[in-house]
Structure formats: C-alpha cells, structure tokens
Amino acid sequence: MSIPDVTVEFAGHVAMVEIHRPPNNFFDTALIKGIADAYERLDDELECRAIVLCAEGKHFCAGADFSRPAGDRSSPGELYAQAIRLFRAGKPVVAAVHGAAIGGGLGLALSADFRVGAPSSKFAANFSRLGFHPGFGITTTLPRVVGQQKALEWMLTGERFGGQIGYAAGLFDELAADGDVRPAAIRFAERIAASAPLALTSIRATTRTGLADAVAAATARELEEQTRLQATADFREGVTAAAQRRTPMFTGR
C-alpha cells in the first residue's frame, strides 16, 4: 500500500500497520488519515484477520507537535474526523506501544482493541498540564478501558506513568519484556487470527456497538472545549513551559 508515512506488511493472517515518523512519531491529520486508509483497505483483504499497529523510532506516538507554529498544526476538527474512521474499521487491532504514548498518542493507542507494552513504556493524558482539554475521544475511551475513577485521575493530574502501572490498571493487556513489544503484539494478534475470520469481525462489531458514535460525540464536545481553552493564557503558558521543560505557572486565565 502506498500511504505517506504508513506501511503495511503481512505475516500470515496478521497485517502490520507501521508508522514512519521517527523518533517521536508526532501525528497530524495526514498521518491519521493514512492509518484509517490502511485499516479500510485491510477490511477488504480476505487474508487479513488481525492488525498490529506499531511504529518506527523511539516512541509509539508522542501526540501532537505543539512546538510547531499554530498555523502549521492540523485542524482538530479534520483530525478527529479521520480518527473516528479508526473506530469504524472492522478488523481487530493490537497496538504495540513501545516508548511513549502521550496525549493524542495515548488516544491512538486506545483506538485499538488491545495494547501490548513493556516496563519502559510511558503514557500520559497530559492535556491538563498544557492548560488544555483532552481530545481524540480519550474522555470516552480511557474510562472504558481503565474505569471512570482511574481515567479521571490520569486526565486531571496529567501525570506520566510507566508500563507496570498501565498493566496493573488494565491499559495494557500484556506486559512484554523491554525490546520484545512488537513480537509480543504479533504473537497476540496471531492468537486472534487463528479464529474464524467471519466470527472475529462479528464478535468485535457486537462488543464495540455504539463506540464509534460515542467517540464522534465525545470529539465534538472535546473540540468545543479545546477551542475555548486554546485562547487562554494558561494554554500559552502550558505549551511554553513544556517546550522549556519547566513547571508551568497557571493563573486560571
């Protein structure tokens, strides 16, 4: 498949959809569209029974690149329209989360059915530390995976956690050895791919009933709040502090 920054390779009945924006794999609308395009093409590929979403470089996905000028960043509305396509695709997905999954990168990992991490994996719903509101449907997907209380804690504190905590909370379905995340994710997907393909898509569709619509509603609400908060001094301070690697000084303005 010829999709910018995204490749697809097969290993038996498992398709590996790989992101190529090392080292941090920051996303934008084009990248999420590329992944969604790959998923939709794989829905029509009879040989594909399961997908492994993985990435080249140091991190799975460090989210949006706020160091870029605002005019060079993707429109959140366009980005979320592409993100919803990930949830509407039909094949089961296992995310191989090596390194960091931060902000919207965590949202991308949560679009998968399963996540494999390692002790060295890092994750954060760090939006509040930027003076911002969560996006990418995280307000719906994170509580669905780890429960309302833990999700609210992570979103309100914006703290960064390691793989052991993620595994204990249920964010990661398997904790592999450092350096073995992708092979472990492929093995996980192979276990799924051993089942009857029509049954796989049928069971998945039933268990995910309403999820894509819930994410669409969530991203609409998230976009409203992000637009409002993006105009605040706290957001400007949060982004500046993150770039300067210092503690932000928020004022509530």
C-alpha atoms as a PDB file:
ATOM      1  CA  MET A   1       0.000   0.000   0.000  1.00  0.00           C
ATOM      2  CA  SER A   2       1.293   3.471  -0.904  1.00  0.00           C
ATOM      3  CA  ILE A   3       0.331   5.717   2.007  1.00  0.00           C
ATOM      4  CA  PRO A   4       2.683   8.501   3.186  1.00  0.00           C
ATOM      5  CA  ASP A   5       4.441   7.605   6.452  1.00  0.00           C
ATOM      6  CA  VAL A   6       2.458   4.355   6.827  1.00  0.00           C
ATOM      7  CA  THR A   7       3.417   0.900   5.562  1.00  0.00           C
ATOM      8  CA  VAL A   8       1.567  -2.404   5.626  1.00  0.00           C
ATOM      9  CA  GLU A   9       3.259  -5.805   5.712  1.00  0.00           C
ATOM     10  CA  PHE A  10       1.791  -9.264   6.191  1.00  0.00           C
ATOM     11  CA  ALA A  11       2.930 -12.093   8.433  1.00  0.00           C
ATOM     12  CA  GLY A  12       0.437 -14.843   7.708  1.00  0.00           C
ATOM     13  CA  HIS A  13      -3.035 -13.553   8.555  1.00  0.00           C
ATOM     14  CA  VAL A  14      -1.665 -10.613  10.589  1.00  0.00           C
ATOM     15  CA  ALA A  15      -1.123  -7.231   8.934  1.00  0.00           C
ATOM     16  CA  MET A  16       1.433  -4.890  10.486  1.00  0.00           C
ATOM     17  CA  VAL A  17       0.488  -1.241  10.003  1.00  0.00           C
ATOM     18  CA  GLU A  18       3.618   0.739  10.837  1.00  0.00           C
ATOM     19  CA  ILE A  19       4.040   4.483  11.394  1.00  0.00           C
ATOM     20  CA  HIS A  20       7.232   6.020   9.991  1.00  0.00           C
ATOM     21  CA  ARG A  21       7.852   9.404  11.598  1.00  0.00           C
ATOM     22  CA  PRO A  22      10.767   8.659  13.908  1.00  0.00           C
ATOM     23  CA  PRO A  23      11.853   9.324  16.534  1.00  0.00           C
ATOM     24  CA  ASN A  24       8.662  10.671  18.147  1.00  0.00           C
ATOM     25  CA  ASN A  25       6.017   9.816  15.531  1.00  0.00           C
ATOM     26  CA  PHE A  26       4.073  13.023  16.094  1.00  0.00           C
ATOM     27  CA  PHE A  27       0.719  12.774  14.364  1.00  0.00           C
ATOM     28  CA  ASP A  28      -1.306  15.125  12.222  1.00  0.00           C
ATOM     29  CA  THR A  29      -4.396  14.760  10.051  1.00  0.00           C
ATOM     30  CA  ALA A  30      -2.435  13.235   7.173  1.00  0.00           C
ATOM     31  CA  LEU A  31      -0.944  10.508   9.361  1.00  0.00           C
ATOM     32  CA  ILE A  32      -4.243   9.524  10.991  1.00  0.00           C
ATOM     33  CA  LYS A  33      -5.873   9.527   7.558  1.00  0.00           C
ATOM     34  CA  GLY A  34      -3.114   7.217   6.339  1.00  0.00           C
ATOM     35  CA  ILE A  35      -3.743   4.753   9.156  1.00  0.00           C
ATOM     36  CA  ALA A  36      -7.509   4.897   8.575  1.00  0.00           C
ATOM     37  CA  ASP A  37      -6.999   4.332   4.839  1.00  0.00           C
ATOM     38  CA  ALA A  38      -4.866   1.278   5.633  1.00  0.00           C
ATOM     39  CA  TYR A  39      -7.493  -0.119   8.006  1.00  0.00           C
ATOM     40  CA  GLU A  40     -10.270   0.314   5.467  1.00  0.00           C
ATOM     41  CA  ARG A  41      -8.262  -1.389   2.731  1.00  0.00           C
ATOM     42  CA  LEU A  42      -7.473  -4.246   5.109  1.00  0.00           C
ATOM     43  CA  ASP A  43     -11.182  -4.622   5.827  1.00  0.00           C
ATOM     44  CA  ASP A  44     -11.476  -5.728   2.183  1.00  0.00           C
ATOM     45  CA  GLU A  45      -8.421  -8.010   2.375  1.00  0.00           C
ATOM     46  CA  LEU A  46      -9.565 -11.583   2.987  1.00  0.00           C
ATOM     47  CA  GLU A  47      -6.124 -12.700   4.138  1.00  0.00           C
ATOM     48  CA  CYS A  48      -6.126 -10.160   6.978  1.00  0.00           C
ATOM     49  CA  ARG A  49      -7.723 -11.361  10.198  1.00  0.00           C
ATOM     50  CA  ALA A  50      -5.965  -9.070  12.702  1.00  0.00           C
ATOM     51  CA  ILE A  51      -3.835  -5.922  12.653  1.00  0.00           C
ATOM     52  CA  VAL A  52      -0.799  -4.869  14.677  1.00  0.00           C
ATOM     53  CA  LEU A  53      -0.396  -1.089  14.893  1.00  0.00           C
ATOM     54  CA  CYS A  54       3.273  -0.289  15.502  1.00  0.00           C
ATOM     55  CA  ALA A  55       5.774   2.490  14.943  1.00  0.00           C
ATOM     56  CA  GLU A  56       9.369   3.044  13.901  1.00  0.00           C
ATOM     57  CA  GLY A  57      11.653   5.021  16.192  1.00  0.00           C
ATOM     58  CA  LYS A  58      11.984   5.749  19.887  1.00  0.00           C
ATOM     59  CA  HIS A  59       8.291   6.215  20.734  1.00  0.00           C
ATOM     60  CA  PHE A  60       4.965   4.759  19.660  1.00  0.00           C
ATOM     61  CA  CYS A  61       3.428   8.230  19.342  1.00  0.00           C
ATOM     62  CA  ALA A  62       4.208  11.392  21.292  1.00  0.00           C
ATOM     63  CA  GLY A  63       0.929  13.007  20.228  1.00  0.00           C
ATOM     64  CA  ALA A  64       0.682  16.389  18.511  1.00  0.00           C
ATOM     65  CA  ASP A  65       3.775  18.513  17.980  1.00  0.00           C
ATOM     66  CA  PHE A  66       2.982  21.712  19.891  1.00  0.00           C
ATOM     67  CA  SER A  67       6.433  23.074  19.109  1.00  0.00           C
ATOM     68  CA  ARG A  68       5.199  23.779  15.573  1.00  0.00           C
ATOM     69  CA  PRO A  69       3.610  27.194  14.918  1.00  0.00           C
ATOM     70  CA  ALA A  70      -0.144  27.113  15.432  1.00  0.00           C
ATOM     71  CA  GLY A  71      -0.752  27.810  11.753  1.00  0.00           C
ATOM     72  CA  ASP A  72       1.218  24.688  10.811  1.00  0.00           C
ATOM     73  CA  ARG A  73      -0.749  22.340  13.050  1.00  0.00           C
ATOM     74  CA  SER A  74      -3.648  20.231  11.848  1.00  0.00           C
ATOM     75  CA  SER A  75      -7.191  21.433  12.315  1.00  0.00           C
ATOM     76  CA  PRO A  76      -8.550  19.425  15.262  1.00  0.00           C
ATOM     77  CA  GLY A  77     -11.898  19.053  13.524  1.00  0.00           C
ATOM     78  CA  GLU A  78     -10.299  17.480  10.453  1.00  0.00           C
ATOM     79  CA  LEU A  79      -8.048  15.338  12.641  1.00  0.00           C
ATOM     80  CA  TYR A  80     -10.952  13.966  14.662  1.00  0.00           C
ATOM     81  CA  ALA A  81     -12.965  13.221  11.525  1.00  0.00           C
ATOM     82  CA  GLN A  82     -10.135  10.921  10.477  1.00  0.00           C
ATOM     83  CA  ALA A  83      -9.770   9.483  13.996  1.00  0.00           C
ATOM     84  CA  ILE A  84     -13.421   8.387  14.025  1.00  0.00           C
ATOM     85  CA  ARG A  85     -12.678   6.284  10.931  1.00  0.00           C
ATOM     86  CA  LEU A  86     -10.292   4.192  13.041  1.00  0.00           C
ATOM     87  CA  PHE A  87     -13.162   3.240  15.321  1.00  0.00           C
ATOM     88  CA  ARG A  88     -15.455   2.384  12.407  1.00  0.00           C
ATOM     89  CA  ALA A  89     -12.996  -0.064  10.806  1.00  0.00           C
ATOM     90  CA  GLY A  90     -13.813  -3.749  11.144  1.00  0.00           C
ATOM     91  CA  LYS A  91     -10.675  -5.808  11.881  1.00  0.00           C
ATOM     92  CA  PRO A  92      -9.326  -6.337  15.430  1.00  0.00           C
ATOM     93  CA  VAL A  93      -6.260  -4.243  16.250  1.00  0.00           C
ATOM     94  CA  VAL A  94      -3.413  -4.821  18.714  1.00  0.00           C
ATOM     95  CA  ALA A  95      -1.263  -1.740  19.421  1.00  0.00           C
ATOM     96  CA  ALA A  96       2.442  -2.358  20.108  1.00  0.00           C
ATOM     97  CA  VAL A  97       3.207   0.522  22.488  1.00  0.00           C
ATOM     98  CA  HIS A  98       6.965   0.885  22.857  1.00  0.00           C
ATOM     99  CA  GLY A  99       8.424   4.051  24.333  1.00  0.00           C
ATOM    100  CA  ALA A 100       5.859   6.769  24.939  1.00  0.00           C
ATOM    101  CA  ALA A 101       2.180   7.186  24.093  1.00  0.00           C
ATOM    102  CA  ILE A 102       1.452  10.757  25.135  1.00  0.00           C
ATOM    103  CA  GLY A 103      -1.685  12.896  24.787  1.00  0.00           C
ATOM    104  CA  GLY A 104      -3.291  12.115  21.456  1.00  0.00           C
ATOM    105  CA  GLY A 105      -0.745   9.317  21.082  1.00  0.00           C
ATOM    106  CA  LEU A 106      -2.448   7.642  24.020  1.00  0.00           C
ATOM    107  CA  GLY A 107      -5.736   8.278  22.222  1.00  0.00           C
ATOM    108  CA  LEU A 108      -4.354   6.479  19.171  1.00  0.00           C
ATOM    109  CA  ALA A 109      -3.338   3.507  21.314  1.00  0.00           C
ATOM    110  CA  LEU A 110      -6.828   3.461  22.841  1.00  0.00           C
ATOM    111  CA  SER A 111      -8.403   3.188  19.396  1.00  0.00           C
ATOM    112  CA  ALA A 112      -7.037  -0.369  19.266  1.00  0.00           C
ATOM    113  CA  ASP A 113      -8.802  -3.325  20.855  1.00  0.00           C
ATOM    114  CA  PHE A 114      -5.698  -4.405  22.776  1.00  0.00           C
ATOM    115  CA  ARG A 115      -2.391  -2.865  23.821  1.00  0.00           C
ATOM    116  CA  VAL A 116       0.938  -4.564  24.486  1.00  0.00           C
ATOM    117  CA  GLY A 117       3.511  -2.551  26.430  1.00  0.00           C
ATOM    118  CA  ALA A 118       6.704  -3.028  28.424  1.00  0.00           C
ATOM    119  CA  PRO A 119       8.052  -1.789  31.763  1.00  0.00           C
ATOM    120  CA  SER A 120       9.829   1.001  29.862  1.00  0.00           C
ATOM    121  CA  SER A 121       6.620   2.137  28.115  1.00  0.00           C
ATOM    122  CA  LYS A 122       5.399   5.580  29.173  1.00  0.00           C
ATOM    123  CA  PHE A 123       1.973   7.126  28.841  1.00  0.00           C
ATOM    124  CA  ALA A 124       0.174  10.290  29.897  1.00  0.00           C
ATOM    125  CA  ALA A 125      -3.102  12.073  29.265  1.00  0.00           C
ATOM    126  CA  ASN A 126      -1.098  15.255  29.756  1.00  0.00           C
ATOM    127  CA  PHE A 127      -3.597  17.762  28.374  1.00  0.00           C
ATOM    128  CA  SER A 128      -4.307  19.411  31.736  1.00  0.00           C
ATOM    129  CA  ARG A 129      -0.575  20.109  32.150  1.00  0.00           C
ATOM    130  CA  LEU A 130      -0.799  22.083  28.903  1.00  0.00           C
ATOM    131  CA  GLY A 131      -3.849  24.054  30.060  1.00  0.00           C
ATOM    132  CA  PHE A 132      -5.854  22.108  27.511  1.00  0.00           C
ATOM    133  CA  HIS A 133      -8.777  19.680  27.257  1.00  0.00           C
ATOM    134  CA  PRO A 134      -8.298  16.010  26.302  1.00  0.00           C
ATOM    135  CA  GLY A 135      -9.026  15.069  22.703  1.00  0.00           C
ATOM    136  CA  PHE A 136      -9.010  12.114  20.291  1.00  0.00           C
ATOM    137  CA  GLY A 137     -12.007  10.673  22.129  1.00  0.00           C
ATOM    138  CA  ILE A 138      -9.968   9.947  25.258  1.00  0.00           C
ATOM    139  CA  THR A 139     -12.800  11.148  27.513  1.00  0.00           C
ATOM    140  CA  THR A 140     -14.781   8.149  26.236  1.00  0.00           C
ATOM    141  CA  THR A 141     -12.135   5.524  25.507  1.00  0.00           C
ATOM    142  CA  LEU A 142      -9.950   5.828  28.597  1.00  0.00           C
ATOM    143  CA  PRO A 143     -12.802   5.295  31.121  1.00  0.00           C
ATOM    144  CA  ARG A 144     -13.992   2.369  29.001  1.00  0.00           C
ATOM    145  CA  VAL A 145     -10.595   0.675  29.392  1.00  0.00           C
ATOM    146  CA  VAL A 146      -9.410   1.541  32.921  1.00  0.00           C
ATOM    147  CA  GLY A 147     -12.612   2.705  34.637  1.00  0.00           C
ATOM    148  CA  GLN A 148     -14.027   6.138  35.390  1.00  0.00           C
ATOM    149  CA  GLN A 149     -12.051   6.867  38.564  1.00  0.00           C
ATOM    150  CA  LYS A 150      -8.615   5.960  37.239  1.00  0.00           C
ATOM    151  CA  ALA A 151      -9.278   7.719  33.934  1.00  0.00           C
ATOM    152  CA  LEU A 152     -10.401  10.881  35.717  1.00  0.00           C
ATOM    153  CA  GLU A 153      -7.311  10.801  37.936  1.00  0.00           C
ATOM    154  CA  TRP A 154      -4.996  10.461  34.946  1.00  0.00           C
ATOM    155  CA  MET A 155      -6.751  13.201  32.977  1.00  0.00           C
ATOM    156  CA  LEU A 156      -6.916  15.692  35.866  1.00  0.00           C
ATOM    157  CA  THR A 157      -3.333  15.182  37.051  1.00  0.00           C
ATOM    158  CA  GLY A 158      -1.801  14.817  33.586  1.00  0.00           C
ATOM    159  CA  GLU A 159       0.919  12.729  35.212  1.00  0.00           C
ATOM    160  CA  ARG A 160       3.178  10.372  33.291  1.00  0.00           C
ATOM    161  CA  PHE A 161       3.229   6.692  34.251  1.00  0.00           C
ATOM    162  CA  GLY A 162       5.226   3.606  33.318  1.00  0.00           C
ATOM    163  CA  GLY A 163       4.248   0.270  31.874  1.00  0.00           C
ATOM    164  CA  GLN A 164       3.834  -1.528  35.194  1.00  0.00           C
ATOM    165  CA  ILE A 165       1.173   0.934  36.332  1.00  0.00           C
ATOM    166  CA  GLY A 166      -0.528   0.768  32.946  1.00  0.00           C
ATOM    167  CA  TYR A 167      -0.641  -3.023  33.089  1.00  0.00           C
ATOM    168  CA  ALA A 168      -1.970  -3.061  36.656  1.00  0.00           C
ATOM    169  CA  ALA A 169      -4.751  -0.645  35.662  1.00  0.00           C
ATOM    170  CA  GLY A 170      -5.722  -2.632  32.566  1.00  0.00           C
ATOM    171  CA  LEU A 171      -4.443  -0.162  29.991  1.00  0.00           C
ATOM    172  CA  PHE A 172      -2.010  -2.783  28.716  1.00  0.00           C
ATOM    173  CA  ASP A 173      -3.378  -6.258  28.099  1.00  0.00           C
ATOM    174  CA  GLU A 174       0.107  -7.763  28.106  1.00  0.00           C
ATOM    175  CA  LEU A 175       3.394  -6.568  29.545  1.00  0.00           C
ATOM    176  CA  ALA A 176       6.260  -7.812  27.396  1.00  0.00           C
ATOM    177  CA  ALA A 177       9.969  -7.582  28.085  1.00  0.00           C
ATOM    178  CA  ASP A 178      11.662  -4.363  27.020  1.00  0.00           C
ATOM    179  CA  GLY A 179      12.628  -4.800  23.374  1.00  0.00           C
ATOM    180  CA  ASP A 180      10.019  -7.503  22.783  1.00  0.00           C
ATOM    181  CA  VAL A 181       6.885  -5.359  22.445  1.00  0.00           C
ATOM    182  CA  ARG A 182       6.359  -5.766  18.716  1.00  0.00           C
ATOM    183  CA  PRO A 183       6.993  -9.538  18.621  1.00  0.00           C
ATOM    184  CA  ALA A 184       4.676  -9.957  21.604  1.00  0.00           C
ATOM    185  CA  ALA A 185       1.971  -7.906  19.864  1.00  0.00           C
ATOM    186  CA  ILE A 186       2.338 -10.062  16.752  1.00  0.00           C
ATOM    187  CA  ARG A 187       2.000 -13.215  18.850  1.00  0.00           C
ATOM    188  CA  PHE A 188      -1.106 -11.736  20.484  1.00  0.00           C
ATOM    189  CA  ALA A 189      -2.589 -10.953  17.061  1.00  0.00           C
ATOM    190  CA  GLU A 190      -1.718 -14.441  15.800  1.00  0.00           C
ATOM    191  CA  ARG A 191      -3.774 -15.948  18.613  1.00  0.00           C
ATOM    192  CA  ILE A 192      -6.734 -13.886  17.396  1.00  0.00           C
ATOM    193  CA  ALA A 193      -6.055 -14.715  13.735  1.00  0.00           C
ATOM    194  CA  ALA A 194      -6.306 -18.431  14.471  1.00  0.00           C
ATOM    195  CA  SER A 195     -10.076 -17.998  14.900  1.00  0.00           C
ATOM    196  CA  ALA A 196     -12.713 -17.992  12.159  1.00  0.00           C
ATOM    197  CA  PRO A 197     -12.492 -14.645  10.306  1.00  0.00           C
ATOM    198  CA  LEU A 198     -16.243 -14.064   9.959  1.00  0.00           C
ATOM    199  CA  ALA A 199     -16.741 -14.805  13.636  1.00  0.00           C
ATOM    200  CA  LEU A 200     -13.949 -12.393  14.563  1.00  0.00           C
ATOM    201  CA  THR A 201     -15.476  -9.404  12.819  1.00  0.00           C
ATOM    202  CA  SER A 202     -18.968 -10.320  14.027  1.00  0.00           C
ATOM    203  CA  ILE A 203     -17.961 -10.605  17.693  1.00  0.00           C
ATOM    204  CA  ARG A 204     -15.897  -7.430  17.522  1.00  0.00           C
ATOM    205  CA  ALA A 205     -18.746  -5.481  15.913  1.00  0.00           C
ATOM    206  CA  THR A 206     -21.141  -6.574  18.648  1.00  0.00           C
ATOM    207  CA  THR A 207     -18.817  -5.714  21.538  1.00  0.00           C
ATOM    208  CA  ARG A 208     -17.983  -2.325  20.007  1.00  0.00           C
ATOM    209  CA  THR A 209     -21.596  -1.408  19.222  1.00  0.00           C
ATOM    210  CA  GLY A 210     -22.033   2.326  19.646  1.00  0.00           C
ATOM    211  CA  LEU A 211     -18.347   3.011  20.323  1.00  0.00           C
ATOM    212  CA  ALA A 212     -17.652   4.937  17.119  1.00  0.00           C
ATOM    213  CA  ASP A 213     -20.761   7.061  17.629  1.00  0.00           C
ATOM    214  CA  ALA A 214     -19.762   7.708  21.255  1.00  0.00           C
ATOM    215  CA  VAL A 215     -16.292   8.784  20.118  1.00  0.00           C
ATOM    216  CA  ALA A 216     -17.850  11.073  17.486  1.00  0.00           C
ATOM    217  CA  ALA A 217     -19.983  12.726  20.174  1.00  0.00           C
ATOM    218  CA  ALA A 218     -17.002  12.965  22.534  1.00  0.00           C
ATOM    219  CA  THR A 219     -14.708  14.559  19.954  1.00  0.00           C
ATOM    220  CA  ALA A 220     -17.386  17.146  19.148  1.00  0.00           C
ATOM    221  CA  ARG A 221     -17.511  18.137  22.820  1.00  0.00           C
ATOM    222  CA  GLU A 222     -13.726  17.929  23.155  1.00  0.00           C
ATOM    223  CA  LEU A 223     -13.263  20.190  20.150  1.00  0.00           C
ATOM    224  CA  GLU A 224     -15.529  22.849  21.656  1.00  0.00           C
ATOM    225  CA  GLU A 225     -13.551  22.869  24.888  1.00  0.00           C
ATOM    226  CA  GLN A 226     -10.178  22.747  23.162  1.00  0.00           C
ATOM    227  CA  THR A 227     -11.133  25.724  21.009  1.00  0.00           C
ATOM    228  CA  ARG A 228     -12.204  27.688  24.085  1.00  0.00           C
ATOM    229  CA  LEU A 229      -9.132  26.818  26.153  1.00  0.00           C
ATOM    230  CA  GLN A 230      -6.703  27.365  23.294  1.00  0.00           C
ATOM    231  CA  ALA A 231      -7.424  31.083  23.581  1.00  0.00           C
ATOM    232  CA  THR A 232      -6.374  31.247  27.237  1.00  0.00           C
ATOM    233  CA  ALA A 233      -3.157  32.435  28.839  1.00  0.00           C
ATOM    234  CA  ASP A 234      -2.925  29.106  30.667  1.00  0.00           C
ATOM    235  CA  PHE A 235      -2.704  27.218  27.379  1.00  0.00           C
ATOM    236  CA  ARG A 236       0.045  29.509  26.111  1.00  0.00           C
ATOM    237  CA  GLU A 237       1.901  29.062  29.403  1.00  0.00           C
ATOM    238  CA  GLY A 238       1.450  25.286  29.368  1.00  0.00           C
ATOM    239  CA  VAL A 239       2.837  24.894  25.851  1.00  0.00           C
ATOM    240  CA  THR A 240       5.717  27.280  26.558  1.00  0.00           C
ATOM    241  CA  ALA A 241       6.594  25.527  29.824  1.00  0.00           C
ATOM    242  CA  ALA A 242       6.544  22.128  28.114  1.00  0.00           C
ATOM    243  CA  ALA A 243       8.894  23.384  25.405  1.00  0.00           C
ATOM    244  CA  GLN A 244      11.224  24.836  28.053  1.00  0.00           C
ATOM    245  CA  ARG A 245      10.950  21.706  30.236  1.00  0.00           C
ATOM    246  CA  ARG A 246       9.865  23.633  33.314  1.00  0.00           C
ATOM    247  CA  THR A 247       6.898  23.596  35.679  1.00  0.00           C
ATOM    248  CA  PRO A 248       4.042  25.729  34.301  1.00  0.00           C
ATOM    249  CA  MET A 249       2.751  28.684  36.297  1.00  0.00           C
ATOM    250  CA  PHE A 250      -1.000  28.644  35.689  1.00  0.00           C
ATOM    251  CA  THR A 251      -3.209  31.610  36.639  1.00  0.00           C
ATOM    252  CA  GLY A 252      -6.704  30.469  35.671  1.00  0.00           C
ATOM    253  CA  ARG A 253      -6.911  32.980  32.832  1.00  0.00           C
END
